Amino acid sequence: MKMMTKELVSAFAKQGDTDGKGEEKTQVLAHFFTGSWDWWATEYDPKDRVFFGLVKGFEVELGSFSLDELEQNSCNVKPFGGVERDLYWQPKSLAEVRRSINGNGR
């Protein structure tokens, strides 16, 4: 499975910089997951292969994460398996994702 597609690169380019847009207007365009970790991407820099978005791991926080690191961990990592891209993800606002994490938006 490809972690990044031409369609996603195009969608991120179209969305551009989300700084200052607010969470209701910022679209999460991709979701990656493994075990108890999730990454929701709102921006992508194809030159550096780095995303910006929401990460739920030990904490829930906004930050940068690397496509290269996600791909390196896309192999079978025990006990959960590797990082995968959610093939059925439909873009939604960052605010919607936060509400679903907090348990009041599903």
PDB file of N, CA and C in Angstrom:
ATOM      1  N   MET A   1       0.845  -1.179   0.000  1.00  0.00           N
ATOM      2  CA  MET A   1       0.000   0.000   0.000  1.00  0.00           C
ATOM      3  C   MET A   1       0.893   1.246   0.000  1.00  0.00           C
ATOM      4  N   LYS A   2       0.519   2.201  -0.824  1.00  0.00           N
ATOM      5  CA  LYS A   2       1.256   3.465  -0.879  1.00  0.00           C
ATOM      6  C   LYS A   2       0.774   4.370   0.247  1.00  0.00           C
ATOM      7  N   MET A   3       1.731   4.940   0.955  1.00  0.00           N
ATOM      8  CA  MET A   3       1.385   5.872   2.030  1.00  0.00           C
ATOM      9  C   MET A   3       0.968   7.224   1.466  1.00  0.00           C
ATOM     10  N   MET A   4       1.484   7.570   0.285  1.00  0.00           N
ATOM     11  CA  MET A   4       1.182   8.859  -0.332  1.00  0.00           C
ATOM     12  C   MET A   4       0.873   8.627  -1.801  1.00  0.00           C
ATOM     13  N   THR A   5      -0.193   9.241  -2.282  1.00  0.00           N
ATOM     14  CA  THR A   5      -0.582   9.109  -3.684  1.00  0.00           C
ATOM     15  C   THR A   5      -0.497  10.470  -4.373  1.00  0.00           C
ATOM     16  N   LYS A   6      -0.516  10.448  -5.691  1.00  0.00           N
ATOM     17  CA  LYS A   6      -0.516  11.703  -6.453  1.00  0.00           C
ATOM     18  C   LYS A   6      -1.752  12.528  -6.116  1.00  0.00           C
ATOM     19  N   GLU A   7      -2.872  11.843  -5.903  1.00  0.00           N
ATOM     20  CA  GLU A   7      -4.116  12.535  -5.566  1.00  0.00           C
ATOM     21  C   GLU A   7      -4.003  13.262  -4.230  1.00  0.00           C
ATOM     22  N   LEU A   8      -3.370  12.616  -3.252  1.00  0.00           N
ATOM     23  CA  LEU A   8      -3.179  13.265  -1.951  1.00  0.00           C
ATOM     24  C   LEU A   8      -2.225  14.450  -2.062  1.00  0.00           C
ATOM     25  N   VAL A   9      -1.133  14.284  -2.793  1.00  0.00           N
ATOM     26  CA  VAL A   9      -0.187  15.390  -2.980  1.00  0.00           C
ATOM     27  C   VAL A   9      -0.921  16.585  -3.583  1.00  0.00           C
ATOM     28  N   SER A  10      -1.760  16.320  -4.560  1.00  0.00           N
ATOM     29  CA  SER A  10      -2.533  17.381  -5.209  1.00  0.00           C
ATOM     30  C   SER A  10      -3.516  18.037  -4.240  1.00  0.00           C
ATOM     31  N   ALA A  11      -4.191  17.228  -3.430  1.00  0.00           N
ATOM     32  CA  ALA A  11      -5.154  17.770  -2.456  1.00  0.00           C
ATOM     33  C   ALA A  11      -4.456  18.643  -1.422  1.00  0.00           C
ATOM     34  N   PHE A  12      -3.286  18.210  -0.940  1.00  0.00           N
ATOM     35  CA  PHE A  12      -2.535  19.021   0.020  1.00  0.00           C
ATOM     36  C   PHE A  12      -2.078  20.326  -0.621  1.00  0.00           C
ATOM     37  N   ALA A  13      -1.630  20.269  -1.871  1.00  0.00           N
ATOM     38  CA  ALA A  13      -1.186  21.484  -2.566  1.00  0.00           C
ATOM     39  C   ALA A  13      -2.347  22.459  -2.723  1.00  0.00           C
ATOM     40  N   LYS A  14      -3.517  21.936  -3.030  1.00  0.00           N
ATOM     41  CA  LYS A  14      -4.700  22.785  -3.205  1.00  0.00           C
ATOM     42  C   LYS A  14      -5.095  23.450  -1.887  1.00  0.00           C
ATOM     43  N   GLN A  15      -5.022  22.686  -0.781  1.00  0.00           N
ATOM     44  CA  GLN A  15      -5.391  23.241   0.527  1.00  0.00           C
ATOM     45  C   GLN A  15      -4.379  24.275   0.994  1.00  0.00           C
ATOM     46  N   GLY A  16      -3.087  24.017   0.770  1.00  0.00           N
ATOM     47  CA  GLY A  16      -2.044  24.966   1.154  1.00  0.00           C
ATOM     48  C   GLY A  16      -1.871  25.098   2.654  1.00  0.00           C
ATOM     49  N   ASP A  17      -1.359  26.243   3.062  1.00  0.00           N
ATOM     50  CA  ASP A  17      -1.067  26.540   4.465  1.00  0.00           C
ATOM     51  C   ASP A  17      -2.372  26.712   5.237  1.00  0.00           C
ATOM     52  N   THR A  18      -2.493  26.014   6.354  1.00  0.00           N
ATOM     53  CA  THR A  18      -3.720  26.087   7.158  1.00  0.00           C
ATOM     54  C   THR A  18      -3.567  26.982   8.377  1.00  0.00           C
ATOM     55  N   ASP A  19      -2.379  27.549   8.578  1.00  0.00           N
ATOM     56  CA  ASP A  19      -2.133  28.395   9.747  1.00  0.00           C
ATOM     57  C   ASP A  19      -3.112  29.566   9.779  1.00  0.00           C
ATOM     58  N   GLY A  20      -3.802  29.701  10.895  1.00  0.00           N
ATOM     59  CA  GLY A  20      -4.719  30.815  11.085  1.00  0.00           C
ATOM     60  C   GLY A  20      -6.122  30.587  10.551  1.00  0.00           C
ATOM     61  N   LYS A  21      -6.384  29.448   9.921  1.00  0.00           N
ATOM     62  CA  LYS A  21      -7.718  29.174   9.376  1.00  0.00           C
ATOM     63  C   LYS A  21      -8.722  28.767  10.446  1.00  0.00           C
ATOM     64  N   GLY A  22      -8.227  28.243  11.555  1.00  0.00           N
ATOM     65  CA  GLY A  22      -9.116  27.718  12.586  1.00  0.00           C
ATOM     66  C   GLY A  22      -9.443  26.257  12.317  1.00  0.00           C
ATOM     67  N   GLU A  23      -9.745  25.527  13.373  1.00  0.00           N
ATOM     68  CA  GLU A  23      -9.939  24.085  13.255  1.00  0.00           C
ATOM     69  C   GLU A  23     -11.214  23.698  12.515  1.00  0.00           C
ATOM     70  N   GLU A  24     -12.241  24.545  12.538  1.00  0.00           N
ATOM     71  CA  GLU A  24     -13.473  24.225  11.802  1.00  0.00           C
ATOM     72  C   GLU A  24     -13.261  24.292  10.295  1.00  0.00           C
ATOM     73  N   LYS A  25     -12.357  25.165   9.837  1.00  0.00           N
ATOM     74  CA  LYS A  25     -12.126  25.342   8.400  1.00  0.00           C
ATOM     75  C   LYS A  25     -10.936  24.549   7.875  1.00  0.00           C
ATOM     76  N   THR A  26     -10.124  23.991   8.763  1.00  0.00           N
ATOM     77  CA  THR A  26      -8.954  23.220   8.351  1.00  0.00           C
ATOM     78  C   THR A  26      -9.365  21.777   8.105  1.00  0.00           C
ATOM     79  N   GLN A  27      -9.126  21.300   6.891  1.00  0.00           N
ATOM     80  CA  GLN A  27      -9.498  19.938   6.524  1.00  0.00           C
ATOM     81  C   GLN A  27      -8.361  18.959   6.802  1.00  0.00           C
ATOM     82  N   VAL A  28      -8.709  17.826   7.397  1.00  0.00           N
ATOM     83  CA  VAL A  28      -7.782  16.713   7.571  1.00  0.00           C
ATOM     84  C   VAL A  28      -7.917  15.860   6.314  1.00  0.00           C
ATOM     85  N   LEU A  29      -6.847  15.770   5.547  1.00  0.00           N
ATOM     86  CA  LEU A  29      -6.904  15.118   4.243  1.00  0.00           C
ATOM     87  C   LEU A  29      -6.436  13.669   4.256  1.00  0.00           C
ATOM     88  N   ALA A  30      -5.700  13.264   5.295  1.00  0.00           N
ATOM     89  CA  ALA A  30      -5.221  11.881   5.368  1.00  0.00           C
ATOM     90  C   ALA A  30      -5.140  11.447   6.825  1.00  0.00           C
ATOM     91  N   HIS A  31      -5.332  10.152   7.035  1.00  0.00           N
ATOM     92  CA  HIS A  31      -5.260   9.558   8.372  1.00  0.00           C
ATOM     93  C   HIS A  31      -4.363   8.330   8.284  1.00  0.00           C
ATOM     94  N   PHE A  32      -3.400   8.252   9.196  1.00  0.00           N
ATOM     95  CA  PHE A  32      -2.495   7.113   9.304  1.00  0.00           C
ATOM     96  C   PHE A  32      -2.652   6.544  10.710  1.00  0.00           C
ATOM     97  N   PHE A  33      -2.434   5.236  10.872  1.00  0.00           N
ATOM     98  CA  PHE A  33      -2.643   4.640  12.190  1.00  0.00           C
ATOM     99  C   PHE A  33      -1.811   3.375  12.371  1.00  0.00           C
ATOM    100  N   THR A  34      -1.569   3.044  13.626  1.00  0.00           N
ATOM    101  CA  THR A  34      -1.024   1.761  14.045  1.00  0.00           C
ATOM    102  C   THR A  34      -1.282   1.617  15.529  1.00  0.00           C
ATOM    103  N   GLY A  35      -1.652   0.436  15.976  1.00  0.00           N
ATOM    104  CA  GLY A  35      -1.886   0.229  17.403  1.00  0.00           C
ATOM    105  C   GLY A  35      -2.730   1.333  17.995  1.00  0.00           C
ATOM    106  N   SER A  36      -2.209   1.984  19.015  1.00  0.00           N
ATOM    107  CA  SER A  36      -2.944   3.060  19.685  1.00  0.00           C
ATOM    108  C   SER A  36      -2.524   4.450  19.197  1.00  0.00           C
ATOM    109  N   TRP A  37      -1.735   4.521  18.138  1.00  0.00           N
ATOM    110  CA  TRP A  37      -1.276   5.801  17.592  1.00  0.00           C
ATOM    111  C   TRP A  37      -2.048   6.156  16.327  1.00  0.00           C
ATOM    112  N   ASP A  38      -2.350   7.458  16.185  1.00  0.00           N
ATOM    113  CA  ASP A  38      -3.012   7.981  14.992  1.00  0.00           C
ATOM    114  C   ASP A  38      -2.355   9.290  14.587  1.00  0.00           C
ATOM    115  N   TRP A  39      -2.283   9.519  13.279  1.00  0.00           N
ATOM    116  CA  TRP A  39      -1.773  10.764  12.718  1.00  0.00           C
ATOM    117  C   TRP A  39      -2.806  11.272  11.719  1.00  0.00           C
ATOM    118  N   TRP A  40      -3.256  12.516  11.874  1.00  0.00           N
ATOM    119  CA  TRP A  40      -4.208  13.142  10.954  1.00  0.00           C
ATOM    120  C   TRP A  40      -3.500  14.319  10.295  1.00  0.00           C
ATOM    121  N   ALA A  41      -3.344  14.274   8.991  1.00  0.00           N
ATOM    122  CA  ALA A  41      -2.544  15.263   8.269  1.00  0.00           C
ATOM    123  C   ALA A  41      -3.400  16.372   7.675  1.00  0.00           C
ATOM    124  N   THR A  42      -2.984  17.620   7.941  1.00  0.00           N
ATOM    125  CA  THR A  42      -3.660  18.794   7.384  1.00  0.00           C
ATOM    126  C   THR A  42      -2.800  19.516   6.352  1.00  0.00           C
ATOM    127  N   GLU A  43      -1.487  19.329   6.409  1.00  0.00           N
ATOM    128  CA  GLU A  43      -0.557  19.967   5.471  1.00  0.00           C
ATOM    129  C   GLU A  43       0.514  18.956   5.093  1.00  0.00           C
ATOM    130  N   TYR A  44       1.122  19.163   3.918  1.00  0.00           N
ATOM    131  CA  TYR A  44       2.211  18.299   3.471  1.00  0.00           C
ATOM    132  C   TYR A  44       3.201  19.114   2.661  1.00  0.00           C
ATOM    133  N   ASP A  45       4.485  18.967   2.987  1.00  0.00           N
ATOM    134  CA  ASP A  45       5.571  19.606   2.242  1.00  0.00           C
ATOM    135  C   ASP A  45       6.261  18.516   1.419  1.00  0.00           C
ATOM    136  N   PRO A  46       6.011  18.466   0.102  1.00  0.00           N
ATOM    137  CA  PRO A  46       6.586  17.387  -0.706  1.00  0.00           C
ATOM    138  C   PRO A  46       8.109  17.445  -0.809  1.00  0.00           C
ATOM    139  N   LYS A  47       8.688  18.629  -0.664  1.00  0.00           N
ATOM    140  CA  LYS A  47      10.150  18.758  -0.741  1.00  0.00           C
ATOM    141  C   LYS A  47      10.808  18.032   0.430  1.00  0.00           C
ATOM    142  N   ASP A  48      10.315  18.286   1.637  1.00  0.00           N
ATOM    143  CA  ASP A  48      10.899  17.668   2.830  1.00  0.00           C
ATOM    144  C   ASP A  48      10.194  16.378   3.233  1.00  0.00           C
ATOM    145  N   ARG A  49       9.054  16.074   2.573  1.00  0.00           N
ATOM    146  CA  ARG A  49       8.259  14.875   2.874  1.00  0.00           C
ATOM    147  C   ARG A  49       7.802  14.870   4.339  1.00  0.00           C
ATOM    148  N   VAL A  50       7.302  16.029   4.769  1.00  0.00           N
ATOM    149  CA  VAL A  50       6.864  16.204   6.154  1.00  0.00           C
ATOM    150  C   VAL A  50       5.418  16.695   6.168  1.00  0.00           C
ATOM    151  N   PHE A  51       4.639  16.091   7.053  1.00  0.00           N
ATOM    152  CA  PHE A  51       3.257  16.494   7.276  1.00  0.00           C
ATOM    153  C   PHE A  51       3.174  17.413   8.478  1.00  0.00           C
ATOM    154  N   PHE A  52       2.072  18.146   8.568  1.00  0.00           N
ATOM    155  CA  PHE A  52       1.687  18.835   9.793  1.00  0.00           C
ATOM    156  C   PHE A  52       0.270  18.387  10.083  1.00  0.00           C
ATOM    157  N   GLY A  53      -0.003  18.137  11.346  1.00  0.00           N
ATOM    158  CA  GLY A  53      -1.352  17.728  11.708  1.00  0.00           C
ATOM    159  C   GLY A  53      -1.449  17.336  13.163  1.00  0.00           C
ATOM    160  N   LEU A  54      -2.480  16.580  13.448  1.00  0.00           N
ATOM    161  CA  LEU A  54      -2.776  16.154  14.810  1.00  0.00           C
ATOM    162  C   LEU A  54      -2.246  14.746  15.022  1.00  0.00           C
ATOM    163  N   VAL A  55      -1.590  14.533  16.151  1.00  0.00           N
ATOM    164  CA  VAL A  55      -1.050  13.224  16.505  1.00  0.00           C
ATOM    165  C   VAL A  55      -1.663  12.797  17.826  1.00  0.00           C
ATOM    166  N   LYS A  56      -2.142  11.552  17.868  1.00  0.00           N
ATOM    167  CA  LYS A  56      -2.613  10.972  19.127  1.00  0.00           C
ATOM    168  C   LYS A  56      -1.721   9.779  19.411  1.00  0.00           C
ATOM    169  N   GLY A  57      -0.832   9.960  20.378  1.00  0.00           N
ATOM    170  CA  GLY A  57       0.073   8.907  20.812  1.00  0.00           C
ATOM    171  C   GLY A  57       0.025   8.871  22.325  1.00  0.00           C
ATOM    172  N   PHE A  58       1.120   9.265  22.944  1.00  0.00           N
ATOM    173  CA  PHE A  58       1.131   9.403  24.400  1.00  0.00           C
ATOM    174  C   PHE A  58       0.308  10.613  24.813  1.00  0.00           C
ATOM    175  N   GLU A  59       0.266  11.618  23.949  1.00  0.00           N
ATOM    176  CA  GLU A  59      -0.502  12.856  24.137  1.00  0.00           C
ATOM    177  C   GLU A  59      -1.248  13.134  22.839  1.00  0.00           C
ATOM    178  N   VAL A  60      -2.191  14.047  22.889  1.00  0.00           N
ATOM    179  CA  VAL A  60      -2.835  14.547  21.674  1.00  0.00           C
ATOM    180  C   VAL A  60      -2.268  15.938  21.438  1.00  0.00           C
ATOM    181  N   GLU A  61      -1.599  16.121  20.287  1.00  0.00           N
ATOM    182  CA  GLU A  61      -0.957  17.403  20.030  1.00  0.00           C
ATOM    183  C   GLU A  61      -0.813  17.658  18.537  1.00  0.00           C
ATOM    184  N   LEU A  62      -0.742  18.932  18.191  1.00  0.00           N
ATOM    185  CA  LEU A  62      -0.444  19.331  16.823  1.00  0.00           C
ATOM    186  C   LEU A  62       1.064  19.343  16.636  1.00  0.00           C
ATOM    187  N   GLY A  63       1.522  18.899  15.470  1.00  0.00           N
ATOM    188  CA  GLY A  63       2.946  18.916  15.212  1.00  0.00           C
ATOM    189  C   GLY A  63       3.276  18.348  13.853  1.00  0.00           C
ATOM    190  N   SER A  64       4.558  18.257  13.581  1.00  0.00           N
ATOM    191  CA  SER A  64       5.053  17.733  12.308  1.00  0.00           C
ATOM    192  C   SER A  64       5.398  16.261  12.452  1.00  0.00           C
ATOM    193  N   PHE A  65       5.214  15.523  11.358  1.00  0.00           N
ATOM    194  CA  PHE A  65       5.630  14.123  11.323  1.00  0.00           C
ATOM    195  C   PHE A  65       6.059  13.777   9.903  1.00  0.00           C
ATOM    196  N   SER A  66       7.006  12.873   9.820  1.00  0.00           N
ATOM    197  CA  SER A  66       7.704  12.578   8.575  1.00  0.00           C
ATOM    198  C   SER A  66       7.077  11.409   7.818  1.00  0.00           C
ATOM    199  N   LEU A  67       6.868  11.603   6.521  1.00  0.00           N
ATOM    200  CA  LEU A  67       6.406  10.505   5.673  1.00  0.00           C
ATOM    201  C   LEU A  67       7.439   9.387   5.666  1.00  0.00           C
ATOM    202  N   ASP A  68       8.723   9.740   5.628  1.00  0.00           N
ATOM    203  CA  ASP A  68       9.775   8.722   5.628  1.00  0.00           C
ATOM    204  C   ASP A  68       9.692   7.841   6.865  1.00  0.00           C
ATOM    205  N   GLU A  69       9.458   8.444   8.030  1.00  0.00           N
ATOM    206  CA  GLU A  69       9.360   7.656   9.261  1.00  0.00           C
ATOM    207  C   GLU A  69       8.106   6.790   9.266  1.00  0.00           C
ATOM    208  N   LEU A  70       6.997   7.320   8.761  1.00  0.00           N
ATOM    209  CA  LEU A  70       5.787   6.498   8.667  1.00  0.00           C
ATOM    210  C   LEU A  70       6.031   5.306   7.744  1.00  0.00           C
ATOM    211  N   GLU A  71       6.693   5.553   6.610  1.00  0.00           N
ATOM    212  CA  GLU A  71       6.977   4.471   5.662  1.00  0.00           C
ATOM    213  C   GLU A  71       7.932   3.441   6.246  1.00  0.00           C
ATOM    214  N   GLN A  72       8.923   3.882   7.021  1.00  0.00           N
ATOM    215  CA  GLN A  72       9.861   2.947   7.641  1.00  0.00           C
ATOM    216  C   GLN A  72       9.151   2.038   8.632  1.00  0.00           C
ATOM    217  N   ASN A  73       8.080   2.543   9.208  1.00  0.00           N
ATOM    218  CA  ASN A  73       7.331   1.761  10.190  1.00  0.00           C
ATOM    219  C   ASN A  73       6.081   1.132   9.591  1.00  0.00           C
ATOM    220  N   SER A  74       6.020   1.056   8.264  1.00  0.00           N
ATOM    221  CA  SER A  74       4.851   0.458   7.634  1.00  0.00           C
ATOM    222  C   SER A  74       5.016  -1.046   7.445  1.00  0.00           C
ATOM    223  N   CYS A  75       6.160  -1.581   7.884  1.00  0.00           N
ATOM    224  CA  CYS A  75       6.342  -3.029   7.837  1.00  0.00           C
ATOM    225  C   CYS A  75       5.657  -3.647   9.056  1.00  0.00           C
ATOM    226  N   ASN A  76       5.728  -4.913   9.198  1.00  0.00           N
ATOM    227  CA  ASN A  76       5.040  -5.594  10.288  1.00  0.00           C
ATOM    228  C   ASN A  76       5.800  -5.415  11.600  1.00  0.00           C
ATOM    229  N   VAL A  77       5.365  -4.461  12.404  1.00  0.00           N
ATOM    230  CA  VAL A  77       5.980  -4.169  13.697  1.00  0.00           C
ATOM    231  C   VAL A  77       5.133  -4.830  14.775  1.00  0.00           C
ATOM    232  N   LYS A  78       5.710  -5.759  15.508  1.00  0.00           N
ATOM    233  CA  LYS A  78       4.948  -6.468  16.541  1.00  0.00           C
ATOM    234  C   LYS A  78       4.733  -5.563  17.737  1.00  0.00           C
ATOM    235  N   PRO A  79       3.654  -5.663  18.467  1.00  0.00           N
ATOM    236  CA  PRO A  79       2.549  -6.614  18.297  1.00  0.00           C
ATOM    237  C   PRO A  79       1.408  -6.084  17.444  1.00  0.00           C
ATOM    238  N   PHE A  80       1.485  -4.851  16.946  1.00  0.00           N
ATOM    239  CA  PHE A  80       0.329  -4.229  16.311  1.00  0.00           C
ATOM    240  C   PHE A  80       0.355  -4.252  14.794  1.00  0.00           C
ATOM    241  N   GLY A  81       1.456  -4.538  14.172  1.00  0.00           N
ATOM    242  CA  GLY A  81       1.579  -4.342  12.732  1.00  0.00           C
ATOM    243  C   GLY A  81       2.135  -2.957  12.481  1.00  0.00           C
ATOM    244  N   GLY A  82       2.348  -2.626  11.246  1.00  0.00           N
ATOM    245  CA  GLY A  82       2.961  -1.346  10.921  1.00  0.00           C
ATOM    246  C   GLY A  82       1.965  -0.225  10.742  1.00  0.00           C
ATOM    247  N   VAL A  83       2.501   0.941  10.410  1.00  0.00           N
ATOM    248  CA  VAL A  83       1.677   2.118  10.145  1.00  0.00           C
ATOM    249  C   VAL A  83       0.969   1.911   8.805  1.00  0.00           C
ATOM    250  N   GLU A  84      -0.309   2.247   8.772  1.00  0.00           N
ATOM    251  CA  GLU A  84      -1.098   2.142   7.547  1.00  0.00           C
ATOM    252  C   GLU A  84      -1.806   3.459   7.280  1.00  0.00           C
ATOM    253  N   ARG A  85      -2.091   3.699   6.001  1.00  0.00           N
ATOM    254  CA  ARG A  85      -2.941   4.829   5.640  1.00  0.00           C
ATOM    255  C   ARG A  85      -4.374   4.323   5.612  1.00  0.00           C
ATOM    256  N   ASP A  86      -5.276   5.091   6.175  1.00  0.00           N
ATOM    257  CA  ASP A  86      -6.696   4.753   6.182  1.00  0.00           C
ATOM    258  C   ASP A  86      -7.234   4.925   4.761  1.00  0.00           C
ATOM    259  N   LEU A  87      -7.458   3.815   4.086  1.00  0.00           N
ATOM    260  CA  LEU A  87      -7.890   3.846   2.689  1.00  0.00           C
ATOM    261  C   LEU A  87      -9.315   4.354   2.527  1.00  0.00           C
ATOM    262  N   TYR A  88     -10.079   4.355   3.598  1.00  0.00           N
ATOM    263  CA  TYR A  88     -11.483   4.763   3.537  1.00  0.00           C
ATOM    264  C   TYR A  88     -11.718   6.146   4.146  1.00  0.00           C
ATOM    265  N   TRP A  89     -10.633   6.855   4.438  1.00  0.00           N
ATOM    266  CA  TRP A  89     -10.733   8.174   5.063  1.00  0.00           C
ATOM    267  C   TRP A  89     -11.451   9.156   4.147  1.00  0.00           C
ATOM    268  N   GLN A  90     -12.392   9.882   4.714  1.00  0.00           N
ATOM    269  CA  GLN A  90     -13.071  10.971   4.016  1.00  0.00           C
ATOM    270  C   GLN A  90     -12.684  12.268   4.717  1.00  0.00           C
ATOM    271  N   PRO A  91     -12.205  13.269   3.979  1.00  0.00           N
ATOM    272  CA  PRO A  91     -11.785  14.516   4.622  1.00  0.00           C
ATOM    273  C   PRO A  91     -12.867  15.089   5.528  1.00  0.00           C
ATOM    274  N   LYS A  92     -12.414  15.576   6.663  1.00  0.00           N
ATOM    275  CA  LYS A  92     -13.305  16.239   7.619  1.00  0.00           C
ATOM    276  C   LYS A  92     -12.507  17.305   8.328  1.00  0.00           C
ATOM    277  N   SER A  93     -13.184  18.162   9.040  1.00  0.00           N
ATOM    278  CA  SER A  93     -12.483  19.261   9.702  1.00  0.00           C
ATOM    279  C   SER A  93     -11.646  18.745  10.871  1.00  0.00           C
ATOM    280  N   LEU A  94     -10.615  19.501  11.174  1.00  0.00           N
ATOM    281  CA  LEU A  94      -9.779  19.178  12.325  1.00  0.00           C
ATOM    282  C   LEU A  94     -10.613  19.208  13.598  1.00  0.00           C
ATOM    283  N   ALA A  95     -11.576  20.112  13.673  1.00  0.00           N
ATOM    284  CA  ALA A  95     -12.463  20.187  14.839  1.00  0.00           C
ATOM    285  C   ALA A  95     -13.265  18.897  14.995  1.00  0.00           C
ATOM    286  N   GLU A  96     -13.751  18.325  13.888  1.00  0.00           N
ATOM    287  CA  GLU A  96     -14.492  17.062  13.951  1.00  0.00           C
ATOM    288  C   GLU A  96     -13.613  15.936  14.474  1.00  0.00           C
ATOM    289  N   VAL A  97     -12.369  15.897  14.013  1.00  0.00           N
ATOM    290  CA  VAL A  97     -11.443  14.860  14.475  1.00  0.00           C
ATOM    291  C   VAL A  97     -11.207  15.009  15.969  1.00  0.00           C
ATOM    292  N   ARG A  98     -10.966  16.226  16.425  1.00  0.00           N
ATOM    293  CA  ARG A  98     -10.756  16.446  17.869  1.00  0.00           C
ATOM    294  C   ARG A  98     -11.969  15.993  18.676  1.00  0.00           C
ATOM    295  N   ARG A  99     -13.177  16.327  18.194  1.00  0.00           N
ATOM    296  CA  ARG A  99     -14.385  15.912  18.913  1.00  0.00           C
ATOM    297  C   ARG A  99     -14.486  14.392  18.984  1.00  0.00           C
ATOM    298  N   SER A 100     -14.119  13.712  17.911  1.00  0.00           N
ATOM    299  CA  SER A 100     -14.196  12.250  17.923  1.00  0.00           C
ATOM    300  C   SER A 100     -13.176  11.646  18.892  1.00  0.00           C
ATOM    301  N   ILE A 101     -12.010  12.267  19.004  1.00  0.00           N
ATOM    302  CA  ILE A 101     -10.998  11.797  19.959  1.00  0.00           C
ATOM    303  C   ILE A 101     -11.502  11.973  21.385  1.00  0.00           C
ATOM    304  N   ASN A 102     -12.167  13.091  21.630  1.00  0.00           N
ATOM    305  CA  ASN A 102     -12.669  13.385  22.974  1.00  0.00           C
ATOM    306  C   ASN A 102     -13.932  12.605  23.306  1.00  0.00           C
ATOM    307  N   GLY A 103     -14.444  11.847  22.331  1.00  0.00           N
ATOM    308  CA  GLY A 103     -15.591  10.997  22.601  1.00  0.00           C
ATOM    309  C   GLY A 103     -16.933  11.678  22.496  1.00  0.00           C
ATOM    310  N   ASN A 104     -16.985  12.896  21.978  1.00  0.00           N
ATOM    311  CA  ASN A 104     -18.274  13.573  21.890  1.00  0.00           C
ATOM    312  C   ASN A 104     -18.608  13.974  20.461  1.00  0.00           C
ATOM    313  N   GLY A 105     -18.071  13.232  19.497  1.00  0.00           N
ATOM    314  CA  GLY A 105     -18.354  13.585  18.119  1.00  0.00           C
ATOM    315  C   GLY A 105     -18.639  12.405  17.221  1.00  0.00           C
ATOM    316  N   ARG A 106     -18.742  11.229  17.788  1.00  0.00           N
ATOM    317  CA  ARG A 106     -18.984  10.040  16.957  1.00  0.00           C
ATOM    318  C   ARG A 106     -20.442   9.782  16.800  1.00  0.00           C
TER     319      ARG A 106
END
